[in-house]
Every structure is written in C-alpha cells, then in structure tokens.
Amino acid sequence: MRGKTTEDLKLLELLDPVADAVGYAIVRLRLMGGLERRKLQIMAERPSDGDMNVEDCARLSRAISEVMDAADPISGEYLLEVSSPGIDRPLTRMADFVAHEGFEVKLELDRLAEGRKRFRGVLAGVEGDQIGIDLEGEEATAMIPFAWVIEAKLVLNDQLMKRGAESRAARIASEQQTTE
C-alpha cells in the first residue's frame, strides 16, 4: 500500500534509507503521470510524533533529490513533491491502523469480502495481521486481512478535526516553551 506499482516499490527500496537517515518515515510513495511529465509524490512524517511541517518537507526533499540525481532511477523529467500525509491521511502500515483505532476509515480491498470490495466503519483494533472494523448496522467486528487492503484512508469528520486541532495546539505550546 505504501507503493502501488513495481516502480514505486523499487523507489521505496532506494528512498526509505534516505528518509530514515534524516529522521523521517515514508508513509506513501506514488510515481504518477505519463512518460512526458511525471510526478513523484512522497508523503512522509517524523516517526516520533507523526508530524511533518514545511521545514521537514524541504529537508527531506533535499535529501531525496541528492540521491535521485545520483542514482537517476526515473527516465525523463519528473517533479518531486514531498508533503505530510494530512489529517485525513492514508493508512499504509499496520502501525497506522493501531495509532488510529477508534477513528472512521474507508477501506478498499483487492478482492470481494462479504460480496463487496469497499468498507467504511470505525477501526476497532488489530489482531495479528488482521484489521478490525466496526461496520454500521453490524453486531460483530469484521476482521480483514491487512494483505487484502489496497487503499485505506481516514474519514474527515469532527472527531478527526478535533484531534488535529489538539495536536496542533500541543505542538505550538511545546515550540513556545522551547524558545522561551
């Protein structure tokens, strides 16, 4: 899920150590567009707190650019775009599902389960390699193998907005304390 194509996965192999070396984790990587003008989109965060500000994006972009220029793994021109995952972020690693338990999520599977591929519900935890999701109108928690998930994203709602505002306020207060 962090990368969709074989090319994405090869780029992750190249760039994961670069991101790690400068203190970030790649959440998702997508190489998009045709051969004429492509875009390499990288969403990343600091593993310590899940944050990613503009300075962090610039720092990671410089580190990735150096390696990309030297290795030249993409033929032709491309635009590098480094960003935070955002408040309604994609969930690409098991740790993301654990960290966002209790929040509403949309899942898309690579196969039919219960006669459908798309699910929307509240994350109910993780057991082994299975993701628990409470679906509206269902008594039992649905357990979905992580390996079946091809796309997962938090649903932007009041609960998620409140969490984002609280995180932002805590970060600002912490930054003010360190500058005093």
C-alpha atoms as a PDB file:
ATOM      1  CA  MET A   1       0.000   0.000   0.000  1.00  0.00           C
ATOM      2  CA  ARG A   2       2.929   2.373   0.500  1.00  0.00           C
ATOM      3  CA  GLY A   3       3.620   1.907  -3.184  1.00  0.00           C
ATOM      4  CA  LYS A   4       1.256   0.643  -5.884  1.00  0.00           C
ATOM      5  CA  THR A   5       3.489  -0.350  -8.780  1.00  0.00           C
ATOM      6  CA  THR A   6       6.728  -2.281  -9.109  1.00  0.00           C
ATOM      7  CA  GLU A   7       8.438   1.025  -9.917  1.00  0.00           C
ATOM      8  CA  ASP A   8       7.006   2.583  -6.722  1.00  0.00           C
ATOM      9  CA  LEU A   9       8.318  -0.339  -4.666  1.00  0.00           C
ATOM     10  CA  LYS A  10      11.809  -0.062  -6.197  1.00  0.00           C
ATOM     11  CA  LEU A  11      11.848   3.664  -5.405  1.00  0.00           C
ATOM     12  CA  LEU A  12      10.809   2.890  -1.821  1.00  0.00           C
ATOM     13  CA  GLU A  13      13.754   0.492  -1.517  1.00  0.00           C
ATOM     14  CA  LEU A  14      16.050   3.303  -2.660  1.00  0.00           C
ATOM     15  CA  LEU A  15      14.464   6.120  -0.653  1.00  0.00           C
ATOM     16  CA  ASP A  16      13.412   4.516   2.663  1.00  0.00           C
ATOM     17  CA  PRO A  17      17.007   4.521   3.978  1.00  0.00           C
ATOM     18  CA  VAL A  18      17.434   8.152   2.863  1.00  0.00           C
ATOM     19  CA  ALA A  19      14.292   9.253   4.722  1.00  0.00           C
ATOM     20  CA  ASP A  20      15.288   7.230   7.775  1.00  0.00           C
ATOM     21  CA  ALA A  21      18.782   8.761   7.811  1.00  0.00           C
ATOM     22  CA  VAL A  22      17.367  12.291   8.036  1.00  0.00           C
ATOM     23  CA  GLY A  23      14.713  11.352  10.618  1.00  0.00           C
ATOM     24  CA  TYR A  24      11.552  10.662   8.595  1.00  0.00           C
ATOM     25  CA  ALA A  25       9.395   7.719   7.530  1.00  0.00           C
ATOM     26  CA  ILE A  26       7.805   7.489   4.099  1.00  0.00           C
ATOM     27  CA  VAL A  27       4.092   6.895   4.532  1.00  0.00           C
ATOM     28  CA  ARG A  28       3.262   6.606   0.827  1.00  0.00           C
ATOM     29  CA  LEU A  29       5.066   6.998  -2.499  1.00  0.00           C
ATOM     30  CA  ARG A  30       3.417   7.319  -5.917  1.00  0.00           C
ATOM     31  CA  LEU A  31       5.049   7.900  -9.287  1.00  0.00           C
ATOM     32  CA  MET A  32       2.257   9.312 -11.439  1.00  0.00           C
ATOM     33  CA  GLY A  33       1.745  10.543 -14.966  1.00  0.00           C
ATOM     34  CA  GLY A  34       2.885   9.553 -18.404  1.00  0.00           C
ATOM     35  CA  LEU A  35       6.425   9.383 -19.700  1.00  0.00           C
ATOM     36  CA  GLU A  36       6.446  13.076 -20.718  1.00  0.00           C
ATOM     37  CA  ARG A  37       5.991  14.777 -17.336  1.00  0.00           C
ATOM     38  CA  ARG A  38       5.793  12.608 -14.258  1.00  0.00           C
ATOM     39  CA  LYS A  39       5.294  13.479 -10.602  1.00  0.00           C
ATOM     40  CA  LEU A  40       6.946  11.635  -7.730  1.00  0.00           C
ATOM     41  CA  GLN A  41       4.670  12.228  -4.757  1.00  0.00           C
ATOM     42  CA  ILE A  42       6.043  11.325  -1.330  1.00  0.00           C
ATOM     43  CA  MET A  43       4.076  11.608   1.899  1.00  0.00           C
ATOM     44  CA  ALA A  44       6.241  11.382   4.989  1.00  0.00           C
ATOM     45  CA  GLU A  45       6.243  12.042   8.717  1.00  0.00           C
ATOM     46  CA  ARG A  46       8.502  12.121  11.738  1.00  0.00           C
ATOM     47  CA  PRO A  47       8.211   8.695  13.374  1.00  0.00           C
ATOM     48  CA  SER A  48       8.469  10.263  16.826  1.00  0.00           C
ATOM     49  CA  ASP A  49       5.251  12.296  16.629  1.00  0.00           C
ATOM     50  CA  GLY A  50       3.711  11.774  13.176  1.00  0.00           C
ATOM     51  CA  ASP A  51       4.204  15.440  12.323  1.00  0.00           C
ATOM     52  CA  MET A  52       5.652  16.951   9.154  1.00  0.00           C
ATOM     53  CA  ASN A  53       5.959  20.710   8.757  1.00  0.00           C
ATOM     54  CA  VAL A  54       7.178  22.794   5.819  1.00  0.00           C
ATOM     55  CA  GLU A  55      10.804  22.767   7.020  1.00  0.00           C
ATOM     56  CA  ASP A  56      10.656  18.980   7.366  1.00  0.00           C
ATOM     57  CA  CYS A  57       9.320  18.668   3.796  1.00  0.00           C
ATOM     58  CA  ALA A  58      12.120  20.860   2.464  1.00  0.00           C
ATOM     59  CA  ARG A  59      14.792  18.919   4.384  1.00  0.00           C
ATOM     60  CA  LEU A  60      13.540  15.558   3.146  1.00  0.00           C
ATOM     61  CA  SER A  61      13.117  16.886  -0.398  1.00  0.00           C
ATOM     62  CA  ARG A  62      16.775  18.000  -0.489  1.00  0.00           C
ATOM     63  CA  ALA A  63      17.987  14.628   0.811  1.00  0.00           C
ATOM     64  CA  ILE A  64      15.870  12.693  -1.701  1.00  0.00           C
ATOM     65  CA  SER A  65      16.894  14.992  -4.585  1.00  0.00           C
ATOM     66  CA  GLU A  66      20.589  14.279  -3.949  1.00  0.00           C
ATOM     67  CA  VAL A  67      20.063  10.525  -4.124  1.00  0.00           C
ATOM     68  CA  MET A  68      17.689  10.726  -7.095  1.00  0.00           C
ATOM     69  CA  ASP A  69      20.160  12.896  -9.027  1.00  0.00           C
ATOM     70  CA  ALA A  70      22.985  10.427  -8.350  1.00  0.00           C
ATOM     71  CA  ALA A  71      21.027   7.197  -8.933  1.00  0.00           C
ATOM     72  CA  ASP A  72      18.799   8.552 -11.739  1.00  0.00           C
ATOM     73  CA  PRO A  73      16.155   5.784 -11.325  1.00  0.00           C
ATOM     74  CA  ILE A  74      13.418   7.602 -13.287  1.00  0.00           C
ATOM     75  CA  SER A  75      13.828   8.097 -17.010  1.00  0.00           C
ATOM     76  CA  GLY A  76      12.851  11.521 -18.273  1.00  0.00           C
ATOM     77  CA  GLU A  77      11.720  14.550 -16.356  1.00  0.00           C
ATOM     78  CA  TYR A  78       9.732  14.399 -13.162  1.00  0.00           C
ATOM     79  CA  LEU A  79       8.554  16.741 -10.437  1.00  0.00           C
ATOM     80  CA  LEU A  80       9.313  15.797  -6.818  1.00  0.00           C
ATOM     81  CA  GLU A  81       6.544  16.627  -4.354  1.00  0.00           C
ATOM     82  CA  VAL A  82       7.111  15.971  -0.625  1.00  0.00           C
ATOM     83  CA  SER A  83       4.225  16.537   1.793  1.00  0.00           C
ATOM     84  CA  SER A  84       2.715  15.495   5.081  1.00  0.00           C
ATOM     85  CA  PRO A  85       0.059  12.772   4.983  1.00  0.00           C
ATOM     86  CA  GLY A  86      -2.531  15.327   6.141  1.00  0.00           C
ATOM     87  CA  ILE A  87      -5.266  14.974   8.706  1.00  0.00           C
ATOM     88  CA  ASP A  88      -7.338  12.528   6.602  1.00  0.00           C
ATOM     89  CA  ARG A  89      -4.214  10.560   5.888  1.00  0.00           C
ATOM     90  CA  PRO A  90      -3.800   7.270   4.107  1.00  0.00           C
ATOM     91  CA  LEU A  91      -3.176   4.287   6.366  1.00  0.00           C
ATOM     92  CA  THR A  92      -0.424   2.220   4.786  1.00  0.00           C
ATOM     93  CA  ARG A  93       1.269   0.356   7.640  1.00  0.00           C
ATOM     94  CA  MET A  94      -0.131  -1.813  10.441  1.00  0.00           C
ATOM     95  CA  ALA A  95       1.147   0.798  12.905  1.00  0.00           C
ATOM     96  CA  ASP A  96      -1.154   3.372  11.246  1.00  0.00           C
ATOM     97  CA  PHE A  97      -4.186   1.199  11.995  1.00  0.00           C
ATOM     98  CA  VAL A  98      -3.099   0.808  15.628  1.00  0.00           C
ATOM     99  CA  ALA A  99      -2.469   4.551  16.050  1.00  0.00           C
ATOM    100  CA  HIS A 100      -5.880   5.496  14.642  1.00  0.00           C
ATOM    101  CA  GLU A 101      -8.066   2.980  16.462  1.00  0.00           C
ATOM    102  CA  GLY A 102     -11.474   4.488  17.184  1.00  0.00           C
ATOM    103  CA  PHE A 103     -11.486   6.677  14.070  1.00  0.00           C
ATOM    104  CA  GLU A 104     -13.648   6.226  10.992  1.00  0.00           C
ATOM    105  CA  VAL A 105     -11.917   4.763   7.960  1.00  0.00           C
ATOM    106  CA  LYS A 106     -12.610   3.788   4.349  1.00  0.00           C
ATOM    107  CA  LEU A 107     -11.011   0.565   3.112  1.00  0.00           C
ATOM    108  CA  GLU A 108     -10.721  -0.857  -0.378  1.00  0.00           C
ATOM    109  CA  LEU A 109      -9.757  -4.499  -0.835  1.00  0.00           C
ATOM    110  CA  ASP A 110      -8.118  -6.358  -3.694  1.00  0.00           C
ATOM    111  CA  ARG A 111     -10.907  -8.975  -3.577  1.00  0.00           C
ATOM    112  CA  LEU A 112     -14.517  -9.410  -2.596  1.00  0.00           C
ATOM    113  CA  ALA A 113     -15.328  -9.964   1.067  1.00  0.00           C
ATOM    114  CA  GLU A 114     -18.960 -10.247   2.129  1.00  0.00           C
ATOM    115  CA  GLY A 115     -19.839  -9.510  -1.504  1.00  0.00           C
ATOM    116  CA  ARG A 116     -18.030  -6.167  -1.738  1.00  0.00           C
ATOM    117  CA  LYS A 117     -14.597  -4.547  -2.004  1.00  0.00           C
ATOM    118  CA  ARG A 118     -15.236  -1.240  -0.179  1.00  0.00           C
ATOM    119  CA  PHE A 119     -15.905  -0.821   3.521  1.00  0.00           C
ATOM    120  CA  ARG A 120     -16.485   2.151   5.797  1.00  0.00           C
ATOM    121  CA  GLY A 121     -16.519   1.908   9.568  1.00  0.00           C
ATOM    122  CA  VAL A 122     -14.682   2.569  12.811  1.00  0.00           C
ATOM    123  CA  LEU A 123     -11.270   0.995  13.357  1.00  0.00           C
ATOM    124  CA  ALA A 124     -11.635  -1.491  16.190  1.00  0.00           C
ATOM    125  CA  GLY A 125      -8.025  -2.558  16.591  1.00  0.00           C
ATOM    126  CA  VAL A 126      -5.553  -5.029  15.167  1.00  0.00           C
ATOM    127  CA  GLU A 127      -5.150  -8.744  15.897  1.00  0.00           C
ATOM    128  CA  GLY A 128      -2.086 -10.322  14.347  1.00  0.00           C
ATOM    129  CA  ASP A 129      -2.248  -9.477  10.641  1.00  0.00           C
ATOM    130  CA  GLN A 130      -5.985  -8.659  10.741  1.00  0.00           C
ATOM    131  CA  ILE A 131      -7.622  -5.233  10.938  1.00  0.00           C
ATOM    132  CA  GLY A 132     -10.800  -4.962  12.973  1.00  0.00           C
ATOM    133  CA  ILE A 133     -13.507  -2.639  11.682  1.00  0.00           C
ATOM    134  CA  ASP A 134     -16.925  -1.975  13.168  1.00  0.00           C
ATOM    135  CA  LEU A 135     -19.352  -1.574  10.283  1.00  0.00           C
ATOM    136  CA  GLU A 136     -22.561   0.382  10.698  1.00  0.00           C
ATOM    137  CA  GLY A 137     -25.518  -1.910  11.375  1.00  0.00           C
ATOM    138  CA  GLU A 138     -23.335  -4.943  12.084  1.00  0.00           C
ATOM    139  CA  GLU A 139     -23.090  -6.582  15.513  1.00  0.00           C
ATOM    140  CA  ALA A 140     -19.745  -8.318  15.120  1.00  0.00           C
ATOM    141  CA  THR A 141     -16.449  -6.646  14.305  1.00  0.00           C
ATOM    142  CA  ALA A 142     -15.303  -7.526  10.787  1.00  0.00           C
ATOM    143  CA  MET A 143     -11.745  -8.843  10.677  1.00  0.00           C
ATOM    144  CA  ILE A 144      -9.983  -8.079   7.390  1.00  0.00           C
ATOM    145  CA  PRO A 145      -6.504  -9.354   6.495  1.00  0.00           C
ATOM    146  CA  PHE A 146      -4.067  -6.459   6.109  1.00  0.00           C
ATOM    147  CA  ALA A 147      -2.703  -8.139   2.950  1.00  0.00           C
ATOM    148  CA  TRP A 148      -6.102  -7.685   1.242  1.00  0.00           C
ATOM    149  CA  VAL A 149      -6.173  -3.902   1.758  1.00  0.00           C
ATOM    150  CA  ILE A 150      -5.074  -1.890  -1.275  1.00  0.00           C
ATOM    151  CA  GLU A 151      -6.275   1.517  -0.087  1.00  0.00           C
ATOM    152  CA  ALA A 152      -7.171   2.828   3.372  1.00  0.00           C
ATOM    153  CA  LYS A 153      -7.865   6.388   4.420  1.00  0.00           C
ATOM    154  CA  LEU A 154      -9.192   8.174   7.472  1.00  0.00           C
ATOM    155  CA  VAL A 155     -12.574   9.847   7.012  1.00  0.00           C
ATOM    156  CA  LEU A 156     -12.507  13.592   7.627  1.00  0.00           C
ATOM    157  CA  ASN A 157     -15.080  14.235  10.359  1.00  0.00           C
ATOM    158  CA  ASP A 158     -15.491  16.293  13.550  1.00  0.00           C
ATOM    159  CA  GLN A 159     -13.661  13.722  15.701  1.00  0.00           C
ATOM    160  CA  LEU A 160     -10.633  13.753  13.408  1.00  0.00           C
ATOM    161  CA  MET A 161     -10.682  17.568  13.123  1.00  0.00           C
ATOM    162  CA  LYS A 162     -10.734  17.852  16.936  1.00  0.00           C
ATOM    163  CA  ARG A 163      -7.754  15.510  17.255  1.00  0.00           C
ATOM    164  CA  GLY A 164      -5.855  17.531  14.645  1.00  0.00           C
ATOM    165  CA  ALA A 165      -6.600  20.818  16.423  1.00  0.00           C
ATOM    166  CA  GLU A 166      -5.499  19.376  19.774  1.00  0.00           C
ATOM    167  CA  SER A 167      -2.254  18.083  18.239  1.00  0.00           C
ATOM    168  CA  ARG A 168      -1.559  21.443  16.623  1.00  0.00           C
ATOM    169  CA  ALA A 169      -2.201  23.299  19.886  1.00  0.00           C
ATOM    170  CA  ALA A 170       0.097  20.941  21.809  1.00  0.00           C
ATOM    171  CA  ARG A 171       2.850  21.340  19.205  1.00  0.00           C
ATOM    172  CA  ILE A 172       2.596  25.160  19.278  1.00  0.00           C
ATOM    173  CA  ALA A 173       2.710  25.189  23.087  1.00  0.00           C
ATOM    174  CA  SER A 174       5.747  22.901  23.050  1.00  0.00           C
ATOM    175  CA  GLU A 175       7.538  25.072  20.480  1.00  0.00           C
ATOM    176  CA  GLN A 176       6.835  28.195  22.553  1.00  0.00           C
ATOM    177  CA  GLN A 177       8.271  26.563  25.677  1.00  0.00           C
ATOM    178  CA  THR A 178      11.497  25.621  23.880  1.00  0.00           C
ATOM    179  CA  THR A 179      12.003  29.179  22.587  1.00  0.00           C
ATOM    180  CA  GLU A 180      11.495  30.834  25.990  1.00  0.00           C
END
